N, C-alpha and C. Protein backbone atom coordinates (compact mmCIF):
# COMPACT_ATOMS: atom_id res chain seq x y z
N ARG A 1 154.87 135.18 120.17
CA ARG A 1 155.25 133.78 120.27
C ARG A 1 154.03 132.94 120.62
N ARG A 2 153.86 131.90 119.87
CA ARG A 2 152.79 130.96 120.17
C ARG A 2 153.14 129.62 119.54
N ALA A 3 152.57 128.59 120.06
CA ALA A 3 152.82 127.25 119.54
C ALA A 3 152.01 127.02 118.28
N LEU A 4 152.68 126.60 117.23
CA LEU A 4 152.02 126.29 115.97
C LEU A 4 152.38 124.87 115.56
N PRO A 5 151.48 124.17 114.90
CA PRO A 5 151.77 122.80 114.47
C PRO A 5 152.71 122.78 113.26
N VAL A 6 153.88 122.18 113.46
CA VAL A 6 154.87 122.08 112.40
C VAL A 6 155.41 120.66 112.33
N ALA A 7 155.98 120.31 111.18
CA ALA A 7 156.72 119.06 111.04
C ALA A 7 158.19 119.42 111.20
N VAL A 8 158.91 118.66 112.01
CA VAL A 8 160.32 118.93 112.26
C VAL A 8 161.15 117.86 111.55
N LEU A 9 162.07 118.30 110.70
CA LEU A 9 162.99 117.38 110.03
C LEU A 9 164.29 117.36 110.82
N ALA A 10 164.82 116.17 111.05
CA ALA A 10 166.05 116.05 111.83
C ALA A 10 167.05 115.16 111.10
N TRP A 11 168.30 115.55 111.16
CA TRP A 11 169.42 114.76 110.68
C TRP A 11 169.27 114.26 109.25
N LEU A 12 169.08 115.18 108.37
CA LEU A 12 169.01 114.87 106.95
C LEU A 12 170.38 115.17 106.35
N GLY A 13 170.97 114.22 105.65
CA GLY A 13 172.28 114.47 105.07
C GLY A 13 172.65 113.46 104.01
N VAL A 14 173.62 113.86 103.18
CA VAL A 14 174.12 113.01 102.10
C VAL A 14 175.64 112.94 102.24
N ASP A 15 176.18 111.76 102.16
CA ASP A 15 177.63 111.57 102.21
C ASP A 15 178.29 112.45 101.14
N GLN A 16 179.41 113.04 101.49
CA GLN A 16 180.10 113.95 100.56
C GLN A 16 180.45 113.29 99.24
N ARG A 17 180.66 111.99 99.23
CA ARG A 17 180.97 111.30 97.97
C ARG A 17 179.80 111.32 97.00
N HIS A 18 178.59 111.64 97.51
CA HIS A 18 177.40 111.61 96.67
C HIS A 18 176.75 112.98 96.51
N HIS A 19 177.50 114.03 96.85
CA HIS A 19 176.98 115.39 96.65
C HIS A 19 176.81 115.67 95.16
N ARG A 20 175.94 116.61 94.86
CA ARG A 20 175.68 117.09 93.49
C ARG A 20 175.03 116.04 92.60
N LYS A 21 174.30 115.12 93.20
CA LYS A 21 173.58 114.09 92.43
C LYS A 21 172.07 114.21 92.60
N GLY A 22 171.62 115.24 93.31
CA GLY A 22 170.20 115.44 93.53
C GLY A 22 169.62 114.65 94.67
N LEU A 23 170.45 113.93 95.40
CA LEU A 23 169.94 113.09 96.50
C LEU A 23 169.40 113.92 97.65
N GLY A 24 170.04 115.04 97.97
CA GLY A 24 169.57 115.89 99.06
C GLY A 24 168.18 116.42 98.79
N THR A 25 167.93 116.83 97.56
CA THR A 25 166.61 117.33 97.19
C THR A 25 165.56 116.23 97.33
N ARG A 26 165.91 115.04 96.88
CA ARG A 26 164.96 113.93 97.00
C ARG A 26 164.70 113.57 98.46
N LEU A 27 165.75 113.57 99.27
CA LEU A 27 165.57 113.29 100.70
C LEU A 27 164.70 114.35 101.37
N LEU A 28 164.91 115.59 101.00
CA LEU A 28 164.13 116.67 101.58
C LEU A 28 162.68 116.61 101.14
N ALA A 29 162.45 116.21 99.91
CA ALA A 29 161.09 116.16 99.38
C ALA A 29 160.28 114.99 99.92
N GLU A 30 160.91 113.90 100.26
CA GLU A 30 160.17 112.71 100.70
C GLU A 30 159.25 112.96 101.89
N PRO A 31 159.73 113.56 102.98
CA PRO A 31 158.80 113.85 104.08
C PRO A 31 157.71 114.83 103.67
N SER A 32 158.05 115.72 102.75
CA SER A 32 157.06 116.68 102.27
C SER A 32 155.97 115.97 101.48
N LEU A 33 156.35 115.01 100.67
CA LEU A 33 155.36 114.24 99.92
C LEU A 33 154.42 113.49 100.85
N ILE A 34 154.99 112.89 101.88
CA ILE A 34 154.18 112.15 102.85
C ILE A 34 153.21 113.09 103.56
N ALA A 35 153.70 114.25 103.97
CA ALA A 35 152.86 115.18 104.73
C ALA A 35 151.74 115.79 103.90
N THR A 36 151.91 115.84 102.59
CA THR A 36 150.90 116.50 101.75
C THR A 36 149.93 115.53 101.09
N GLN A 37 150.05 114.26 101.35
CA GLN A 37 149.10 113.31 100.78
C GLN A 37 147.69 113.61 101.29
N PRO A 38 146.70 113.64 100.39
CA PRO A 38 145.35 113.99 100.82
C PRO A 38 144.77 113.10 101.90
N VAL A 39 145.22 111.86 101.97
CA VAL A 39 144.67 110.94 102.98
C VAL A 39 145.33 111.13 104.34
N ARG A 40 146.37 111.89 104.39
CA ARG A 40 147.07 112.11 105.66
C ARG A 40 146.42 113.23 106.46
N PRO A 41 146.20 113.05 107.72
CA PRO A 41 145.62 114.12 108.53
C PRO A 41 146.55 115.31 108.70
N LEU A 42 147.86 115.13 108.47
CA LEU A 42 148.81 116.24 108.63
C LEU A 42 148.46 117.43 107.75
N ARG A 43 148.00 117.15 106.57
CA ARG A 43 147.74 118.21 105.61
C ARG A 43 146.77 119.25 106.15
N SER A 44 145.85 118.84 106.95
CA SER A 44 144.82 119.76 107.42
C SER A 44 145.28 120.68 108.54
N TRP A 45 146.40 120.37 109.20
CA TRP A 45 146.75 121.23 110.33
C TRP A 45 148.19 121.72 110.37
N LEU A 46 149.09 121.19 109.56
CA LEU A 46 150.47 121.67 109.56
C LEU A 46 150.58 123.06 108.96
N VAL A 47 151.40 123.91 109.54
CA VAL A 47 151.60 125.25 108.99
C VAL A 47 152.99 125.42 108.39
N ALA A 48 153.96 124.55 108.75
CA ALA A 48 155.31 124.70 108.23
C ALA A 48 156.15 123.47 108.52
N VAL A 49 157.28 123.41 107.82
CA VAL A 49 158.32 122.44 108.10
C VAL A 49 159.47 123.22 108.73
N VAL A 50 160.04 122.70 109.82
CA VAL A 50 161.11 123.36 110.56
C VAL A 50 162.31 122.43 110.63
N LEU A 51 163.52 123.00 110.56
CA LEU A 51 164.73 122.21 110.71
C LEU A 51 165.86 123.06 111.25
N ASP A 52 166.86 122.41 111.82
CA ASP A 52 168.06 123.08 112.31
C ASP A 52 169.21 122.73 111.38
N CYS A 53 169.97 123.74 110.97
CA CYS A 53 171.10 123.54 110.08
C CYS A 53 172.36 123.22 110.87
N VAL A 54 173.13 122.29 110.39
CA VAL A 54 174.36 121.90 111.07
C VAL A 54 175.49 122.89 110.75
N ASP A 55 175.45 123.52 109.58
CA ASP A 55 176.48 124.48 109.20
C ASP A 55 175.96 125.40 108.10
N GLU A 56 176.79 126.33 107.68
CA GLU A 56 176.38 127.32 106.67
C GLU A 56 176.11 126.68 105.31
N ALA A 57 176.84 125.62 104.97
CA ALA A 57 176.61 124.94 103.69
C ALA A 57 175.22 124.30 103.67
N ALA A 58 174.83 123.68 104.77
CA ALA A 58 173.49 123.10 104.86
C ALA A 58 172.44 124.20 104.79
N LYS A 59 172.70 125.30 105.46
CA LYS A 59 171.76 126.42 105.44
C LYS A 59 171.56 126.92 104.02
N ALA A 60 172.65 127.07 103.27
CA ALA A 60 172.56 127.54 101.89
C ALA A 60 171.73 126.57 101.04
N PHE A 61 171.91 125.26 101.26
CA PHE A 61 171.12 124.26 100.53
C PHE A 61 169.63 124.46 100.78
N TYR A 62 169.25 124.56 102.04
CA TYR A 62 167.83 124.71 102.36
C TYR A 62 167.27 126.04 101.86
N GLN A 63 168.07 127.08 101.91
CA GLN A 63 167.58 128.37 101.45
C GLN A 63 167.33 128.38 99.95
N ARG A 64 167.99 127.51 99.21
CA ARG A 64 167.68 127.38 97.77
C ARG A 64 166.22 126.98 97.56
N TRP A 65 165.65 126.31 98.55
CA TRP A 65 164.25 125.85 98.45
C TRP A 65 163.32 126.76 99.23
N ASP A 66 163.74 127.98 99.47
CA ASP A 66 162.92 129.02 100.10
C ASP A 66 162.70 128.85 101.60
N PHE A 67 163.51 128.02 102.25
CA PHE A 67 163.45 127.99 103.71
C PHE A 67 163.92 129.35 104.22
N ARG A 68 163.32 129.82 105.29
CA ARG A 68 163.63 131.14 105.85
C ARG A 68 164.09 131.00 107.29
N GLU A 69 164.89 131.99 107.74
CA GLU A 69 165.37 131.98 109.12
C GLU A 69 164.25 132.27 110.09
N MET A 70 164.31 131.62 111.24
CA MET A 70 163.42 131.94 112.34
C MET A 70 163.97 133.19 113.03
N PRO A 71 163.11 134.05 113.52
CA PRO A 71 163.60 135.24 114.23
C PRO A 71 164.48 134.83 115.41
N ASP A 72 165.62 135.46 115.53
CA ASP A 72 166.58 135.23 116.62
C ASP A 72 167.20 133.84 116.63
N ARG A 73 167.01 133.04 115.60
CA ARG A 73 167.59 131.69 115.51
C ARG A 73 168.07 131.48 114.07
N PRO A 74 169.20 132.06 113.67
CA PRO A 74 169.62 132.03 112.27
C PRO A 74 169.91 130.64 111.71
N MET A 75 170.16 129.66 112.54
CA MET A 75 170.41 128.31 112.03
C MET A 75 169.17 127.42 112.09
N ARG A 76 168.05 127.96 112.54
CA ARG A 76 166.77 127.25 112.49
C ARG A 76 165.95 127.87 111.37
N LEU A 77 165.55 127.03 110.43
CA LEU A 77 164.83 127.50 109.26
C LEU A 77 163.43 126.92 109.22
N PHE A 78 162.55 127.60 108.48
CA PHE A 78 161.19 127.08 108.30
C PHE A 78 160.77 127.28 106.85
N LEU A 79 159.86 126.44 106.42
CA LEU A 79 159.25 126.54 105.10
C LEU A 79 157.75 126.45 105.30
N PRO A 80 157.01 127.49 104.91
CA PRO A 80 155.56 127.43 105.05
C PRO A 80 155.00 126.22 104.29
N PHE A 81 154.01 125.60 104.85
CA PHE A 81 153.42 124.40 104.25
C PHE A 81 152.99 124.65 102.81
N ALA A 82 152.48 125.83 102.52
CA ALA A 82 152.01 126.16 101.17
C ALA A 82 153.16 126.16 100.16
N SER A 83 154.39 126.29 100.60
CA SER A 83 155.54 126.34 99.69
C SER A 83 156.11 124.97 99.35
N LEU A 84 155.56 123.93 99.92
CA LEU A 84 156.10 122.58 99.67
C LEU A 84 155.93 122.13 98.23
N ALA A 85 154.96 122.68 97.50
CA ALA A 85 154.71 122.26 96.12
C ALA A 85 155.96 122.46 95.24
N LYS A 86 156.66 123.57 95.42
CA LYS A 86 157.86 123.85 94.64
C LYS A 86 158.92 122.77 94.87
N LEU A 87 159.11 122.41 96.12
CA LEU A 87 160.08 121.41 96.49
C LEU A 87 159.71 120.05 95.91
N MET A 88 158.45 119.67 96.01
CA MET A 88 158.01 118.38 95.50
C MET A 88 158.14 118.32 93.99
N SER A 89 157.84 119.42 93.30
CA SER A 89 157.96 119.47 91.85
C SER A 89 159.41 119.27 91.42
N ALA A 90 160.34 119.91 92.11
CA ALA A 90 161.76 119.78 91.78
C ALA A 90 162.26 118.36 92.00
N ALA A 91 161.75 117.69 93.01
CA ALA A 91 162.19 116.33 93.31
C ALA A 91 161.72 115.35 92.25
N ARG A 92 160.62 115.64 91.60
CA ARG A 92 160.10 114.75 90.57
C ARG A 92 160.87 114.88 89.26
N ASP A 93 161.54 116.01 89.07
CA ASP A 93 162.29 116.26 87.81
C ASP A 93 163.54 115.44 87.72
């Protein structure tokens, strides 16, 4: 265990009336786009994006984008910074 620099996403959600329209992916990608901009200092030191899932459905959504469980914390997920490219590419489509 050691402290690592991560970006934490909190309270990301889409109203149920707007599910299956790609809005969740776009919302998830936006902070990733900001963090990976070359002019941003975050790019040079972040190692991952971390978030807490509110329920199993949310967890399944994030796992589609390769988020992984933290050891001993199954509802806390992380995505290595290097994996953000896949997410950003999908949001642009």
